[in-house]
Amino acid sequence: MGSIYSVLSKKGGPGKSTIARALGVALAQNEWAVKIADFDLDQMTSTNWVRRRLAGGHKPELAAEVFGSLPKALRQANDYDALIIDGAAAASTMTAEIAKASDLVILPTGLCLDDLQPTAELAEALHAKHGVPAERIVFALNHAGDSAAELSDAQAYLRKTRFALMEGPVQQKVSYSRAHDLGLSIIETPAKGPREKAELLIQSIVNRINELTI
């Protein structure tokens, strides 16, 4: 069975699909066979993005499929090196089941307390209530603005928890949304500065994956 990585949240809007797509591309660039399991039945963000990617002829290719059943999605892991689960827009009982089946759980969050607090609560519940090892749960800062003070406060907040914070916050950039429109990920945007910042975050996640597999 291939590895299973999930990108989950307690509420909508933290950038789950952004992280899932970029991680998928990063792994595929290293010749992994990658599939994104899209659990957002209403928006199908990752699935529609993969369609745009294929239509644009972008390489490397990734697969994507919408799922409402976790066992059905997990069976796909037998056919790929990595199955990346893009979770639903809000936490549910399935969220915990996905996390328990994952080799790494990534929880993206914005920088304000309205985002940080529920994300930290979800991480603690997954660990304390559902038994997901703390080392398999990480935070990723997304939708960052231009305020160094806000970023510093958000980092300090998350570092008080027992879970690791990945490097390289992803900022809100037009170049990212334009890349997504074309079927590209944030690590493929032509804009060098934003691309390098996105690469820092995704490389941090890849490094964590490598640490857990040693």
Protein backbone atom coordinates (compact mmCIF):
# COMPACT_ATOMS: atom_id res chain seq x y z
CA MET A 1 0.00 0.00 0.00
CA GLY A 2 1.18 3.51 -0.80
CA SER A 3 1.54 6.29 1.73
CA ILE A 4 -1.51 8.28 2.82
CA TYR A 5 -1.32 11.98 3.57
CA SER A 6 -4.35 14.03 4.56
CA VAL A 7 -5.06 17.75 4.60
CA LEU A 8 -7.88 18.42 7.04
CA SER A 9 -9.63 21.27 8.82
CA LYS A 10 -12.33 21.96 11.36
CA LYS A 11 -13.97 24.61 9.19
CA GLY A 12 -13.89 25.75 5.58
CA GLY A 13 -11.47 28.16 3.98
CA PRO A 14 -8.00 27.38 5.40
CA GLY A 15 -6.49 26.36 2.06
CA LYS A 16 -6.69 22.57 2.22
CA SER A 17 -6.83 22.14 -1.53
CA THR A 18 -3.95 24.56 -2.01
CA ILE A 19 -1.70 22.40 0.16
CA ALA A 20 -2.98 19.09 -1.21
CA ARG A 21 -2.36 20.11 -4.82
CA ALA A 22 1.12 21.51 -4.17
CA LEU A 23 2.18 18.45 -2.18
CA GLY A 24 0.84 16.21 -4.91
CA VAL A 25 2.88 18.03 -7.55
CA ALA A 26 6.02 17.95 -5.40
CA LEU A 27 5.78 14.19 -4.95
CA ALA A 28 4.92 13.61 -8.61
CA GLN A 29 7.96 15.66 -9.62
CA ASN A 30 9.99 12.99 -7.83
CA GLU A 31 8.33 10.32 -9.97
CA TRP A 32 5.75 9.23 -7.42
CA ALA A 33 2.39 8.05 -8.74
CA VAL A 34 -0.02 10.38 -6.93
CA LYS A 35 -3.78 10.52 -6.56
CA ILE A 36 -5.82 13.15 -4.73
CA ALA A 37 -8.92 11.82 -2.98
CA ASP A 38 -11.30 14.79 -2.95
CA PHE A 39 -13.83 14.62 -0.11
CA ASP A 40 -15.36 18.04 -0.80
CA LEU A 41 -18.47 16.74 -2.55
CA ASP A 42 -19.93 20.22 -3.06
CA GLN A 43 -16.99 22.11 -4.56
CA MET A 44 -14.71 19.32 -5.87
CA THR A 45 -11.88 21.87 -5.93
CA SER A 46 -9.01 19.43 -6.36
CA THR A 47 -10.85 17.28 -8.88
CA ASN A 48 -11.73 20.25 -11.08
CA TRP A 49 -8.14 21.52 -10.80
CA VAL A 50 -6.74 18.20 -12.01
CA ARG A 51 -9.09 18.38 -15.00
CA ARG A 52 -7.70 21.83 -15.87
CA ARG A 53 -4.18 20.49 -15.39
CA LEU A 54 -4.75 17.61 -17.78
CA ALA A 55 -6.47 19.88 -20.32
CA GLY A 56 -3.46 22.20 -20.20
CA GLY A 57 -1.04 19.34 -20.74
CA HIS A 58 0.94 20.16 -17.60
CA LYS A 59 3.49 17.70 -16.29
CA PRO A 60 3.77 15.80 -14.08
CA GLU A 61 0.29 14.31 -14.27
CA LEU A 62 -1.77 13.58 -11.17
CA ALA A 63 -5.03 11.70 -10.76
CA ALA A 64 -8.02 12.87 -8.72
CA GLU A 65 -11.39 11.45 -7.79
CA VAL A 66 -14.29 12.51 -5.60
CA PHE A 67 -15.08 10.18 -2.71
CA GLY A 68 -17.78 10.00 -0.09
CA SER A 69 -16.55 6.73 1.40
CA LEU A 70 -13.22 6.45 3.20
CA PRO A 71 -12.80 2.66 2.68
CA LYS A 72 -13.31 3.14 -1.05
CA ALA A 73 -10.70 5.89 -1.11
CA LEU A 74 -8.21 3.87 0.90
CA ARG A 75 -8.42 1.01 -1.56
CA GLN A 76 -6.97 3.40 -4.14
CA ALA A 77 -3.78 3.57 -2.07
CA ASN A 78 -2.92 0.12 -3.39
CA ASP A 79 -2.46 1.57 -6.87
CA TYR A 80 -0.41 4.68 -6.06
CA ASP A 81 2.77 5.65 -4.26
CA ALA A 82 0.85 8.39 -2.43
CA LEU A 83 -2.83 9.03 -1.80
CA ILE A 84 -3.44 12.62 -0.72
CA ILE A 85 -6.79 13.13 0.98
CA ASP A 86 -8.28 16.60 0.55
CA GLY A 87 -10.79 16.60 3.40
CA ALA A 88 -14.30 17.99 3.53
CA ALA A 89 -14.95 21.64 4.33
CA ALA A 90 -15.84 20.92 7.96
CA ALA A 91 -14.83 18.37 10.56
CA SER A 92 -16.98 15.28 11.00
CA THR A 93 -16.66 11.77 12.37
CA MET A 94 -14.95 10.88 9.09
CA THR A 95 -12.24 13.46 9.80
CA ALA A 96 -10.95 11.38 12.70
CA GLU A 97 -11.11 8.19 10.65
CA ILE A 98 -9.11 9.82 7.86
CA ALA A 99 -6.52 11.08 10.34
CA LYS A 100 -6.10 7.65 11.93
CA ALA A 101 -5.48 6.12 8.50
CA SER A 102 -2.93 8.77 7.52
CA ASP A 103 0.84 8.65 7.68
CA LEU A 104 0.82 12.43 8.06
CA VAL A 105 -2.00 14.86 8.86
CA ILE A 106 -1.57 18.46 7.68
CA LEU A 107 -3.78 21.11 9.26
CA PRO A 108 -3.65 24.42 7.36
CA THR A 109 -4.76 27.56 9.15
CA GLY A 110 -4.96 31.29 8.74
CA LEU A 111 -3.22 33.66 11.13
CA CYS A 112 -6.13 35.07 13.14
CA LEU A 113 -7.46 33.47 16.31
CA ASP A 114 -10.73 32.62 14.55
CA ASP A 115 -8.66 30.18 12.47
CA LEU A 116 -5.87 29.24 14.88
CA GLN A 117 -8.04 28.22 17.81
CA PRO A 118 -10.28 25.68 16.01
CA THR A 119 -7.26 24.27 14.19
CA ALA A 120 -5.37 23.74 17.45
CA GLU A 121 -8.51 22.21 18.99
CA LEU A 122 -8.83 19.79 16.09
CA ALA A 123 -5.19 18.75 16.43
CA GLU A 124 -5.61 18.11 20.15
CA ALA A 125 -8.82 16.13 19.61
CA LEU A 126 -7.22 13.96 16.93
CA HIS A 127 -4.36 13.16 19.28
CA ALA A 128 -5.96 12.98 22.73
CA LYS A 129 -9.37 11.60 21.79
CA HIS A 130 -8.65 9.57 18.67
CA GLY A 131 -5.10 8.39 19.29
CA VAL A 132 -3.33 9.93 16.30
CA PRO A 133 0.36 10.23 17.28
CA ALA A 134 1.38 13.85 17.84
CA GLU A 135 4.37 13.53 15.52
CA ARG A 136 2.00 12.72 12.64
CA ILE A 137 0.07 15.99 13.01
CA VAL A 138 1.53 19.26 11.68
CA PHE A 139 0.32 22.82 11.13
CA ALA A 140 0.78 24.84 7.92
CA LEU A 141 0.20 28.59 7.92
CA ASN A 142 -1.80 29.82 4.94
CA HIS A 143 -3.45 33.04 3.75
CA ALA A 144 -0.77 35.10 5.49
CA GLY A 145 -0.83 38.87 5.05
CA ASP A 146 1.96 41.42 5.14
CA SER A 147 2.06 41.88 8.91
CA ALA A 148 5.22 40.50 10.49
CA ALA A 149 3.65 40.96 13.93
CA GLU A 150 0.58 38.90 13.05
CA LEU A 151 2.78 36.16 11.62
CA SER A 152 4.98 36.13 14.72
CA ASP A 153 1.94 35.94 17.01
CA ALA A 154 0.44 33.07 15.00
CA GLN A 155 3.70 31.13 15.08
CA ALA A 156 4.01 31.67 18.82
CA TYR A 157 0.43 30.48 19.37
CA LEU A 158 0.96 27.22 17.48
CA ARG A 159 4.37 26.56 19.00
CA LYS A 160 2.74 26.40 22.42
CA THR A 161 0.99 23.22 21.31
CA ARG A 162 2.55 19.75 21.15
CA PHE A 163 2.43 19.70 17.33
CA ALA A 164 5.03 20.77 14.79
CA LEU A 165 4.67 23.95 12.72
CA MET A 166 5.94 23.72 9.17
CA GLU A 167 8.19 26.43 7.76
CA GLY A 168 7.25 29.02 5.16
CA PRO A 169 3.79 30.58 5.54
CA VAL A 170 1.90 30.91 2.27
CA GLN A 171 0.70 34.44 1.61
CA GLN A 172 -2.36 35.59 -0.31
CA LYS A 173 -1.06 36.23 -3.82
CA VAL A 174 -2.77 36.77 -7.15
CA SER A 175 -0.01 34.69 -8.72
CA TYR A 176 -1.23 31.66 -6.74
CA SER A 177 -4.85 31.98 -7.79
CA ARG A 178 -3.80 32.55 -11.40
CA ALA A 179 -1.68 29.40 -11.25
CA HIS A 180 -4.66 27.43 -9.94
CA ASP A 181 -6.82 28.75 -12.77
CA LEU A 182 -4.33 27.24 -15.23
CA GLY A 183 -4.13 23.87 -13.51
CA LEU A 184 -0.82 24.66 -11.82
CA SER A 185 0.05 24.50 -8.13
CA ILE A 186 1.50 27.27 -5.98
CA ILE A 187 4.97 25.76 -6.40
CA GLU A 188 4.62 26.14 -10.17
CA THR A 189 3.66 29.79 -10.42
CA PRO A 190 5.97 31.72 -12.78
CA ALA A 191 6.38 34.43 -10.12
CA LYS A 192 9.75 33.60 -8.56
CA GLY A 193 9.27 35.15 -5.11
CA PRO A 194 5.89 33.58 -4.35
CA ARG A 195 7.02 30.28 -5.85
CA GLU A 196 10.07 30.11 -3.60
CA LYS A 197 7.97 30.88 -0.52
CA ALA A 198 5.51 28.14 -1.44
CA GLU A 199 8.38 25.73 -2.08
CA LEU A 200 9.69 26.39 1.43
CA LEU A 201 6.42 25.22 2.98
CA ILE A 202 6.00 22.18 0.77
CA GLN A 203 9.64 21.16 1.21
CA SER A 204 9.14 21.40 4.96
CA ILE A 205 6.22 18.98 4.67
CA VAL A 206 8.26 16.63 2.46
CA ASN A 207 11.08 16.75 5.01
CA ARG A 208 8.61 15.76 7.72
CA ILE A 209 7.42 12.85 5.58
CA ASN A 210 11.02 11.70 5.20
CA GLU A 211 11.64 11.98 8.93
CA LEU A 212 8.64 9.79 9.69
CA THR A 213 9.66 7.11 7.22
CA ILE A 214 13.24 6.68 8.41
